[in-house]
Amino acid sequence: MEQEKAEIQALAQRILVKAAHKLGGVAALSKYLEVGEATLGDWLAGKFVPPVEVILKTVSLLVDEPATFWRDSSAGHSGTPIVSFAAVKRFGTD
C-alpha cells in the first residue's frame, strides 16, 4: 500500500512539473489550477498528493484537450468529476 501511494505521488509530481514547464512556471500553473502557490509547492515537493480533480485537469492540459471530464466544466476543478479515482483504478485492473 505504501509503495502504491509513493508511485501515485511520484506520478503526480511528474505531471505537475511537466505542466509547470508547459505554462511557463509555478505561478502560471497555480493560476491555471486555481490553487495557492504554497499548496502547489507542497504537491511539487511530494509532501502531499493533489486531489484527483487536480491531476485530471493537469493531464487534460498536457494532452491539449479541454477539461471535458467535469459535469460543470465552467466550475473549474471545483465541479464534480465524471470519472472517479476509484473508477480509474478499477479500469486498470479489468
PDB file of N, CA and C in Angstrom:
ATOM      1  N   MET A   1       0.815  -1.193   0.000  1.00  0.00           N
ATOM      2  CA  MET A   1       0.000   0.000   0.000  1.00  0.00           C
ATOM      3  C   MET A   1       0.863   1.262   0.000  1.00  0.00           C
ATOM      4  N   GLU A   2       1.903   1.272   0.819  1.00  0.00           N
ATOM      5  CA  GLU A   2       2.799   2.433   0.856  1.00  0.00           C
ATOM      6  C   GLU A   2       3.515   2.630  -0.479  1.00  0.00           C
ATOM      7  N   GLN A   3       3.889   1.519  -1.111  1.00  0.00           N
ATOM      8  CA  GLN A   3       4.567   1.622  -2.407  1.00  0.00           C
ATOM      9  C   GLN A   3       3.619   2.201  -3.450  1.00  0.00           C
ATOM     10  N   GLU A   4       2.362   1.774  -3.418  1.00  0.00           N
ATOM     11  CA  GLU A   4       1.373   2.300  -4.355  1.00  0.00           C
ATOM     12  C   GLU A   4       1.185   3.808  -4.151  1.00  0.00           C
ATOM     13  N   LYS A   5       1.106   4.247  -2.900  1.00  0.00           N
ATOM     14  CA  LYS A   5       0.970   5.675  -2.606  1.00  0.00           C
ATOM     15  C   LYS A   5       2.187   6.445  -3.106  1.00  0.00           C
ATOM     16  N   ALA A   6       3.364   5.889  -2.910  1.00  0.00           N
ATOM     17  CA  ALA A   6       4.588   6.543  -3.381  1.00  0.00           C
ATOM     18  C   ALA A   6       4.612   6.644  -4.901  1.00  0.00           C
ATOM     19  N   GLU A   7       4.131   5.617  -5.575  1.00  0.00           N
ATOM     20  CA  GLU A   7       4.089   5.639  -7.041  1.00  0.00           C
ATOM     21  C   GLU A   7       3.105   6.680  -7.551  1.00  0.00           C
ATOM     22  N   ILE A   8       1.947   6.781  -6.896  1.00  0.00           N
ATOM     23  CA  ILE A   8       0.956   7.787  -7.279  1.00  0.00           C
ATOM     24  C   ILE A   8       1.512   9.186  -7.047  1.00  0.00           C
ATOM     25  N   GLN A   9       2.178   9.361  -5.916  1.00  0.00           N
ATOM     26  CA  GLN A   9       2.768  10.652  -5.584  1.00  0.00           C
ATOM     27  C   GLN A   9       3.840  11.039  -6.610  1.00  0.00           C
ATOM     28  N   ALA A  10       4.679  10.097  -6.984  1.00  0.00           N
ATOM     29  CA  ALA A  10       5.736  10.371  -7.966  1.00  0.00           C
ATOM     30  C   ALA A  10       5.138  10.714  -9.333  1.00  0.00           C
ATOM     31  N   LEU A  11       4.093  10.010  -9.718  1.00  0.00           N
ATOM     32  CA  LEU A  11       3.431  10.296 -10.989  1.00  0.00           C
ATOM     33  C   LEU A  11       2.796  11.678 -10.962  1.00  0.00           C
ATOM     34  N   ALA A  12       2.128  12.013  -9.868  1.00  0.00           N
ATOM     35  CA  ALA A  12       1.516  13.337  -9.738  1.00  0.00           C
ATOM     36  C   ALA A  12       2.577  14.432  -9.828  1.00  0.00           C
ATOM     37  N   GLN A  13       3.711  14.229  -9.183  1.00  0.00           N
ATOM     38  CA  GLN A  13       4.802  15.204  -9.249  1.00  0.00           C
ATOM     39  C   GLN A  13       5.275  15.397 -10.688  1.00  0.00           C
ATOM     40  N   ARG A  14       5.484  14.307 -11.408  1.00  0.00           N
ATOM     41  CA  ARG A  14       5.954  14.407 -12.803  1.00  0.00           C
ATOM     42  C   ARG A  14       4.946  15.153 -13.673  1.00  0.00           C
ATOM     43  N   ILE A  15       3.669  14.861 -13.466  1.00  0.00           N
ATOM     44  CA  ILE A  15       2.621  15.529 -14.234  1.00  0.00           C
ATOM     45  C   ILE A  15       2.631  17.029 -13.942  1.00  0.00           C
ATOM     46  N   LEU A  16       2.721  17.381 -12.675  1.00  0.00           N
ATOM     47  CA  LEU A  16       2.717  18.796 -12.299  1.00  0.00           C
ATOM     48  C   LEU A  16       3.954  19.529 -12.813  1.00  0.00           C
ATOM     49  N   VAL A  17       5.103  18.893 -12.748  1.00  0.00           N
ATOM     50  CA  VAL A  17       6.334  19.520 -13.251  1.00  0.00           C
ATOM     51  C   VAL A  17       6.218  19.775 -14.748  1.00  0.00           C
ATOM     52  N   LYS A  18       5.739  18.799 -15.499  1.00  0.00           N
ATOM     53  CA  LYS A  18       5.575  18.978 -16.952  1.00  0.00           C
ATOM     54  C   LYS A  18       4.593  20.104 -17.253  1.00  0.00           C
ATOM     55  N   ALA A  19       3.512  20.174 -16.490  1.00  0.00           N
ATOM     56  CA  ALA A  19       2.517  21.228 -16.703  1.00  0.00           C
ATOM     57  C   ALA A  19       3.094  22.601 -16.378  1.00  0.00           C
ATOM     58  N   ALA A  20       3.880  22.687 -15.312  1.00  0.00           N
ATOM     59  CA  ALA A  20       4.514  23.961 -14.964  1.00  0.00           C
ATOM     60  C   ALA A  20       5.451  24.413 -16.082  1.00  0.00           C
ATOM     61  N   HIS A  21       6.192  23.488 -16.647  1.00  0.00           N
ATOM     62  CA  HIS A  21       7.079  23.821 -17.776  1.00  0.00           C
ATOM     63  C   HIS A  21       6.260  24.286 -18.972  1.00  0.00           C
ATOM     64  N   LYS A  22       5.165  23.611 -19.246  1.00  0.00           N
ATOM     65  CA  LYS A  22       4.334  23.953 -20.401  1.00  0.00           C
ATOM     66  C   LYS A  22       3.750  25.364 -20.264  1.00  0.00           C
ATOM     67  N   LEU A  23       3.332  25.720 -19.057  1.00  0.00           N
ATOM     68  CA  LEU A  23       2.706  27.026 -18.842  1.00  0.00           C
ATOM     69  C   LEU A  23       3.702  28.138 -18.546  1.00  0.00           C
ATOM     70  N   GLY A  24       4.952  27.780 -18.298  1.00  0.00           N
ATOM     71  CA  GLY A  24       5.962  28.798 -18.063  1.00  0.00           C
ATOM     72  C   GLY A  24       6.313  29.036 -16.603  1.00  0.00           C
ATOM     73  N   GLY A  25       5.905  28.138 -15.722  1.00  0.00           N
ATOM     74  CA  GLY A  25       6.323  28.269 -14.334  1.00  0.00           C
ATOM     75  C   GLY A  25       5.240  27.915 -13.335  1.00  0.00           C
ATOM     76  N   VAL A  26       5.652  27.909 -12.084  1.00  0.00           N
ATOM     77  CA  VAL A  26       4.770  27.526 -10.986  1.00  0.00           C
ATOM     78  C   VAL A  26       3.628  28.524 -10.833  1.00  0.00           C
ATOM     79  N   ALA A  27       3.919  29.820 -10.969  1.00  0.00           N
ATOM     80  CA  ALA A  27       2.869  30.835 -10.810  1.00  0.00           C
ATOM     81  C   ALA A  27       1.753  30.634 -11.831  1.00  0.00           C
ATOM     82  N   ALA A  28       2.133  30.358 -13.074  1.00  0.00           N
ATOM     83  CA  ALA A  28       1.130  30.153 -14.124  1.00  0.00           C
ATOM     84  C   ALA A  28       0.313  28.888 -13.861  1.00  0.00           C
ATOM     85  N   LEU A  29       0.963  27.819 -13.422  1.00  0.00           N
ATOM     86  CA  LEU A  29       0.233  26.581 -13.125  1.00  0.00           C
ATOM     87  C   LEU A  29      -0.681  26.775 -11.927  1.00  0.00           C
ATOM     88  N   SER A  30      -0.206  27.497 -10.937  1.00  0.00           N
ATOM     89  CA  SER A  30      -1.026  27.794  -9.766  1.00  0.00           C
ATOM     90  C   SER A  30      -2.303  28.531 -10.172  1.00  0.00           C
ATOM     91  N   LYS A  31      -2.152  29.494 -11.044  1.00  0.00           N
ATOM     92  CA  LYS A  31      -3.313  30.250 -11.531  1.00  0.00           C
ATOM     93  C   LYS A  31      -4.254  29.344 -12.328  1.00  0.00           C
ATOM     94  N   TYR A  32      -3.688  28.526 -13.204  1.00  0.00           N
ATOM     95  CA  TYR A  32      -4.491  27.609 -14.023  1.00  0.00           C
ATOM     96  C   TYR A  32      -5.285  26.645 -13.151  1.00  0.00           C
ATOM     97  N   LEU A  33      -4.652  26.118 -12.115  1.00  0.00           N
ATOM     98  CA  LEU A  33      -5.301  25.148 -11.237  1.00  0.00           C
ATOM     99  C   LEU A  33      -6.156  25.805 -10.155  1.00  0.00           C
ATOM    100  N   GLU A  34      -6.041  27.131 -10.042  1.00  0.00           N
ATOM    101  CA  GLU A  34      -6.794  27.882  -9.040  1.00  0.00           C
ATOM    102  C   GLU A  34      -6.466  27.420  -7.622  1.00  0.00           C
ATOM    103  N   VAL A  35      -5.163  27.260  -7.372  1.00  0.00           N
ATOM    104  CA  VAL A  35      -4.669  26.898  -6.039  1.00  0.00           C
ATOM    105  C   VAL A  35      -3.525  27.844  -5.691  1.00  0.00           C
ATOM    106  N   GLY A  36      -3.262  27.987  -4.414  1.00  0.00           N
ATOM    107  CA  GLY A  36      -2.162  28.838  -3.983  1.00  0.00           C
ATOM    108  C   GLY A  36      -0.810  28.242  -4.367  1.00  0.00           C
ATOM    109  N   GLU A  37       0.156  29.109  -4.546  1.00  0.00           N
ATOM    110  CA  GLU A  37       1.500  28.639  -4.901  1.00  0.00           C
ATOM    111  C   GLU A  37       2.101  27.775  -3.802  1.00  0.00           C
ATOM    112  N   ALA A  38       1.766  28.052  -2.555  1.00  0.00           N
ATOM    113  CA  ALA A  38       2.295  27.237  -1.450  1.00  0.00           C
ATOM    114  C   ALA A  38       1.740  25.812  -1.527  1.00  0.00           C
ATOM    115  N   THR A  39       0.455  25.700  -1.820  1.00  0.00           N
ATOM    116  CA  THR A  39      -0.164  24.372  -1.965  1.00  0.00           C
ATOM    117  C   THR A  39       0.465  23.628  -3.130  1.00  0.00           C
ATOM    118  N   LEU A  40       0.599  24.305  -4.254  1.00  0.00           N
ATOM    119  CA  LEU A  40       1.224  23.691  -5.422  1.00  0.00           C
ATOM    120  C   LEU A  40       2.665  23.296  -5.112  1.00  0.00           C
ATOM    121  N   GLY A  41       3.359  24.137  -4.372  1.00  0.00           N
ATOM    122  CA  GLY A  41       4.732  23.826  -3.979  1.00  0.00           C
ATOM    123  C   GLY A  41       4.811  22.564  -3.138  1.00  0.00           C
ATOM    124  N   ASP A  42       3.841  22.379  -2.252  1.00  0.00           N
ATOM    125  CA  ASP A  42       3.796  21.152  -1.444  1.00  0.00           C
ATOM    126  C   ASP A  42       3.584  19.928  -2.329  1.00  0.00           C
ATOM    127  N   TRP A  43       2.714  20.054  -3.317  1.00  0.00           N
ATOM    128  CA  TRP A  43       2.484  18.930  -4.239  1.00  0.00           C
ATOM    129  C   TRP A  43       3.736  18.645  -5.056  1.00  0.00           C
ATOM    130  N   LEU A  44       4.379  19.704  -5.541  1.00  0.00           N
ATOM    131  CA  LEU A  44       5.597  19.524  -6.342  1.00  0.00           C
ATOM    132  C   LEU A  44       6.733  18.926  -5.526  1.00  0.00           C
ATOM    133  N   ALA A  45       6.768  19.242  -4.241  1.00  0.00           N
ATOM    134  CA  ALA A  45       7.804  18.702  -3.360  1.00  0.00           C
ATOM    135  C   ALA A  45       7.483  17.290  -2.881  1.00  0.00           C
ATOM    136  N   GLY A  46       6.294  16.823  -3.197  1.00  0.00           N
ATOM    137  CA  GLY A  46       5.912  15.478  -2.782  1.00  0.00           C
ATOM    138  C   GLY A  46       5.428  15.380  -1.351  1.00  0.00           C
ATOM    139  N   LYS A  47       5.095  16.516  -0.745  1.00  0.00           N
ATOM    140  CA  LYS A  47       4.601  16.488   0.634  1.00  0.00           C
ATOM    141  C   LYS A  47       3.194  15.917   0.719  1.00  0.00           C
ATOM    142  N   PHE A  48       2.399  16.189  -0.312  1.00  0.00           N
ATOM    143  CA  PHE A  48       1.022  15.720  -0.373  1.00  0.00           C
ATOM    144  C   PHE A  48       0.685  15.321  -1.798  1.00  0.00           C
ATOM    145  N   VAL A  49      -0.270  14.430  -1.944  1.00  0.00           N
ATOM    146  CA  VAL A  49      -0.782  14.061  -3.262  1.00  0.00           C
ATOM    147  C   VAL A  49      -1.950  14.990  -3.568  1.00  0.00           C
ATOM    148  N   PRO A  50      -1.953  15.623  -4.733  1.00  0.00           N
ATOM    149  CA  PRO A  50      -3.068  16.511  -5.058  1.00  0.00           C
ATOM    150  C   PRO A  50      -4.357  15.719  -5.255  1.00  0.00           C
ATOM    151  N   PRO A  51      -5.494  16.386  -5.112  1.00  0.00           N
ATOM    152  CA  PRO A  51      -6.769  15.707  -5.362  1.00  0.00           C
ATOM    153  C   PRO A  51      -6.843  15.206  -6.802  1.00  0.00           C
ATOM    154  N   VAL A  52      -7.594  14.145  -7.010  1.00  0.00           N
ATOM    155  CA  VAL A  52      -7.708  13.548  -8.340  1.00  0.00           C
ATOM    156  C   VAL A  52      -8.226  14.561  -9.359  1.00  0.00           C
ATOM    157  N   GLU A  53      -9.076  15.480  -8.925  1.00  0.00           N
ATOM    158  CA  GLU A  53      -9.596  16.501  -9.832  1.00  0.00           C
ATOM    159  C   GLU A  53      -8.467  17.361 -10.388  1.00  0.00           C
ATOM    160  N   VAL A  54      -7.490  17.672  -9.542  1.00  0.00           N
ATOM    161  CA  VAL A  54      -6.344  18.476  -9.965  1.00  0.00           C
ATOM    162  C   VAL A  54      -5.478  17.682 -10.942  1.00  0.00           C
ATOM    163  N   ILE A  55      -5.269  16.418 -10.653  1.00  0.00           N
ATOM    164  CA  ILE A  55      -4.477  15.574 -11.548  1.00  0.00           C
ATOM    165  C   ILE A  55      -5.142  15.468 -12.916  1.00  0.00           C
ATOM    166  N   LEU A  56      -6.448  15.251 -12.934  1.00  0.00           N
ATOM    167  CA  LEU A  56      -7.160  15.139 -14.208  1.00  0.00           C
ATOM    168  C   LEU A  56      -7.120  16.441 -14.999  1.00  0.00           C
ATOM    169  N   LYS A  57      -7.279  17.561 -14.322  1.00  0.00           N
ATOM    170  CA  LYS A  57      -7.214  18.854 -15.003  1.00  0.00           C
ATOM    171  C   LYS A  57      -5.815  19.096 -15.570  1.00  0.00           C
ATOM    172  N   THR A  58      -4.799  18.686 -14.839  1.00  0.00           N
ATOM    173  CA  THR A  58      -3.421  18.862 -15.288  1.00  0.00           C
ATOM    174  C   THR A  58      -3.113  17.963 -16.475  1.00  0.00           C
ATOM    175  N   VAL A  59      -3.563  16.726 -16.425  1.00  0.00           N
ATOM    176  CA  VAL A  59      -3.369  15.813 -17.552  1.00  0.00           C
ATOM    177  C   VAL A  59      -4.076  16.359 -18.790  1.00  0.00           C
ATOM    178  N   SER A  60      -5.272  16.895 -18.607  1.00  0.00           N
ATOM    179  CA  SER A  60      -6.003  17.489 -19.722  1.00  0.00           C
ATOM    180  C   SER A  60      -5.186  18.601 -20.383  1.00  0.00           C
ATOM    181  N   LEU A  61      -4.551  19.415 -19.579  1.00  0.00           N
ATOM    182  CA  LEU A  61      -3.690  20.477 -20.104  1.00  0.00           C
ATOM    183  C   LEU A  61      -2.546  19.897 -20.926  1.00  0.00           C
ATOM    184  N   LEU A  62      -1.949  18.839 -20.416  1.00  0.00           N
ATOM    185  CA  LEU A  62      -0.780  18.254 -21.082  1.00  0.00           C
ATOM    186  C   LEU A  62      -1.122  17.589 -22.408  1.00  0.00           C
ATOM    187  N   VAL A  63      -2.319  17.074 -22.533  1.00  0.00           N
ATOM    188  CA  VAL A  63      -2.692  16.403 -23.781  1.00  0.00           C
ATOM    189  C   VAL A  63      -3.467  17.327 -24.709  1.00  0.00           C
ATOM    190  N   ASP A  64      -3.521  18.619 -24.347  1.00  0.00           N
ATOM    191  CA  ASP A  64      -4.175  19.630 -25.173  1.00  0.00           C
ATOM    192  C   ASP A  64      -5.632  19.325 -25.458  1.00  0.00           C
ATOM    193  N   GLU A  65      -6.315  18.784 -24.484  1.00  0.00           N
ATOM    194  CA  GLU A  65      -7.741  18.516 -24.616  1.00  0.00           C
ATOM    195  C   GLU A  65      -8.484  19.400 -23.627  1.00  0.00           C
ATOM    196  N   PRO A  66      -9.694  19.792 -23.976  1.00  0.00           N
ATOM    197  CA  PRO A  66     -10.478  20.550 -22.999  1.00  0.00           C
ATOM    198  C   PRO A  66     -10.843  19.667 -21.813  1.00  0.00           C
ATOM    199  N   ALA A  67     -11.069  20.283 -20.688  1.00  0.00           N
ATOM    200  CA  ALA A  67     -11.405  19.537 -19.470  1.00  0.00           C
ATOM    201  C   ALA A  67     -12.853  19.059 -19.541  1.00  0.00           C
ATOM    202  N   THR A  68     -13.105  18.034 -20.341  1.00  0.00           N
ATOM    203  CA  THR A  68     -14.462  17.548 -20.569  1.00  0.00           C
ATOM    204  C   THR A  68     -14.894  16.517 -19.542  1.00  0.00           C
ATOM    205  N   PHE A  69     -14.037  16.219 -18.576  1.00  0.00           N
ATOM    206  CA  PHE A  69     -14.404  15.230 -17.579  1.00  0.00           C
ATOM    207  C   PHE A  69     -15.172  15.849 -16.409  1.00  0.00           C
ATOM    208  N   TRP A  70     -15.489  17.147 -16.494  1.00  0.00           N
ATOM    209  CA  TRP A  70     -16.252  17.808 -15.433  1.00  0.00           C
ATOM    210  C   TRP A  70     -17.722  17.831 -15.792  1.00  0.00           C
ATOM    211  N   ARG A  71     -18.581  17.573 -14.828  1.00  0.00           N
ATOM    212  CA  ARG A  71     -20.021  17.700 -15.049  1.00  0.00           C
ATOM    213  C   ARG A  71     -20.360  19.159 -15.362  1.00  0.00           C
ATOM    214  N   ASP A  72     -19.686  20.084 -14.702  1.00  0.00           N
ATOM    215  CA  ASP A  72     -19.870  21.505 -14.947  1.00  0.00           C
ATOM    216  C   ASP A  72     -18.489  22.084 -15.190  1.00  0.00           C
ATOM    217  N   SER A  73     -18.027  22.049 -16.446  1.00  0.00           N
ATOM    218  CA  SER A  73     -16.653  22.470 -16.733  1.00  0.00           C
ATOM    219  C   SER A  73     -16.435  23.951 -16.462  1.00  0.00           C
ATOM    220  N   SER A  74     -17.499  24.733 -16.413  1.00  0.00           N
ATOM    221  CA  SER A  74     -17.337  26.153 -16.116  1.00  0.00           C
ATOM    222  C   SER A  74     -16.937  26.361 -14.660  1.00  0.00           C
ATOM    223  N   ALA A  75     -17.110  25.325 -13.839  1.00  0.00           N
ATOM    224  CA  ALA A  75     -16.773  25.445 -12.421  1.00  0.00           C
ATOM    225  C   ALA A  75     -15.305  25.170 -12.151  1.00  0.00           C
ATOM    226  N   GLY A  76     -14.526  24.859 -13.186  1.00  0.00           N
ATOM    227  CA  GLY A  76     -13.122  24.527 -12.971  1.00  0.00           C
ATOM    228  C   GLY A  76     -12.996  23.263 -12.161  1.00  0.00           C
ATOM    229  N   HIS A  77     -11.938  23.133 -11.371  1.00  0.00           N
ATOM    230  CA  HIS A  77     -11.740  21.898 -10.622  1.00  0.00           C
ATOM    231  C   HIS A  77     -12.658  21.776  -9.416  1.00  0.00           C
ATOM    232  N   SER A  78     -13.491  22.778  -9.172  1.00  0.00           N
ATOM    233  CA  SER A  78     -14.432  22.668  -8.057  1.00  0.00           C
ATOM    234  C   SER A  78     -15.719  21.963  -8.481  1.00  0.00           C
ATOM    235  N   GLY A  79     -15.867  21.661  -9.784  1.00  0.00           N
ATOM    236  CA  GLY A  79     -17.024  20.912 -10.255  1.00  0.00           C
ATOM    237  C   GLY A  79     -16.921  19.453  -9.868  1.00  0.00           C
ATOM    238  N   THR A  80     -17.930  18.694 -10.209  1.00  0.00           N
ATOM    239  CA  THR A  80     -17.957  17.275  -9.889  1.00  0.00           C
ATOM    240  C   THR A  80     -17.331  16.493 -11.038  1.00  0.00           C
ATOM    241  N   PRO A  81     -16.293  15.695 -10.762  1.00  0.00           N
ATOM    242  CA  PRO A  81     -15.699  14.924 -11.848  1.00  0.00           C
ATOM    243  C   PRO A  81     -16.642  13.816 -12.311  1.00  0.00           C
ATOM    244  N   ILE A  82     -16.640  13.551 -13.603  1.00  0.00           N
ATOM    245  CA  ILE A  82     -17.446  12.468 -14.154  1.00  0.00           C
ATOM    246  C   ILE A  82     -16.804  11.130 -13.815  1.00  0.00           C
ATOM    247  N   VAL A  83     -15.480  11.091 -13.821  1.00  0.00           N
ATOM    248  CA  VAL A  83     -14.745   9.858 -13.546  1.00  0.00           C
ATOM    249  C   VAL A  83     -14.121   9.970 -12.163  1.00  0.00           C
ATOM    250  N   SER A  84     -14.328   8.975 -11.346  1.00  0.00           N
ATOM    251  CA  SER A  84     -13.730   8.983 -10.017  1.00  0.00           C
ATOM    252  C   SER A  84     -12.382   8.285 -10.045  1.00  0.00           C
ATOM    253  N   PHE A  85     -11.563   8.584  -9.050  1.00  0.00           N
ATOM    254  CA  PHE A  85     -10.261   7.924  -8.941  1.00  0.00           C
ATOM    255  C   PHE A  85     -10.438   6.418  -8.795  1.00  0.00           C
ATOM    256  N   ALA A  86     -11.447   6.005  -8.044  1.00  0.00           N
ATOM    257  CA  ALA A  86     -11.705   4.564  -7.861  1.00  0.00           C
ATOM    258  C   ALA A  86     -12.024   3.911  -9.206  1.00  0.00           C
ATOM    259  N   ALA A  87     -12.783   4.599 -10.043  1.00  0.00           N
ATOM    260  CA  ALA A  87     -13.116   4.049 -11.354  1.00  0.00           C
ATOM    261  C   ALA A  87     -11.871   3.926 -12.217  1.00  0.00           C
ATOM    262  N   VAL A  88     -10.989   4.906 -12.140  1.00  0.00           N
ATOM    263  CA  VAL A  88      -9.746   4.850 -12.908  1.00  0.00           C
ATOM    264  C   VAL A  88      -8.911   3.659 -12.450  1.00  0.00           C
ATOM    265  N   LYS A  89      -8.826   3.448 -11.136  1.00  0.00           N
ATOM    266  CA  LYS A  89      -8.059   2.318 -10.620  1.00  0.00           C
ATOM    267  C   LYS A  89      -8.659   0.995 -11.076  1.00  0.00           C
ATOM    268  N   ARG A  90      -9.991   0.885 -11.041  1.00  0.00           N
ATOM    269  CA  ARG A  90     -10.654  -0.355 -11.474  1.00  0.00           C
ATOM    270  C   ARG A  90     -10.422  -0.606 -12.955  1.00  0.00           C
ATOM    271  N   PHE A  91     -10.438   0.453 -13.762  1.00  0.00           N
ATOM    272  CA  PHE A  91     -10.247   0.303 -15.194  1.00  0.00           C
ATOM    273  C   PHE A  91      -8.904  -0.353 -15.492  1.00  0.00           C
ATOM    274  N   GLY A  92      -7.904  -0.012 -14.731  1.00  0.00           N
ATOM    275  CA  GLY A  92      -6.568  -0.566 -14.939  1.00  0.00           C
ATOM    276  C   GLY A  92      -6.443  -2.027 -14.565  1.00  0.00           C
ATOM    277  N   THR A  93      -7.404  -2.545 -13.811  1.00  0.00           N
ATOM    278  CA  THR A  93      -7.316  -3.944 -13.369  1.00  0.00           C
ATOM    279  C   THR A  93      -8.282  -4.861 -14.083  1.00  0.00           C
ATOM    280  N   ASP A  94      -9.185  -4.294 -14.867  1.00  0.00           N
ATOM    281  CA  ASP A  94     -10.176  -5.129 -15.585  1.00  0.00           C
ATOM    282  C   ASP A  94      -9.580  -5.791 -16.807  1.00  0.00           C
TER     283      ASP A  94
END
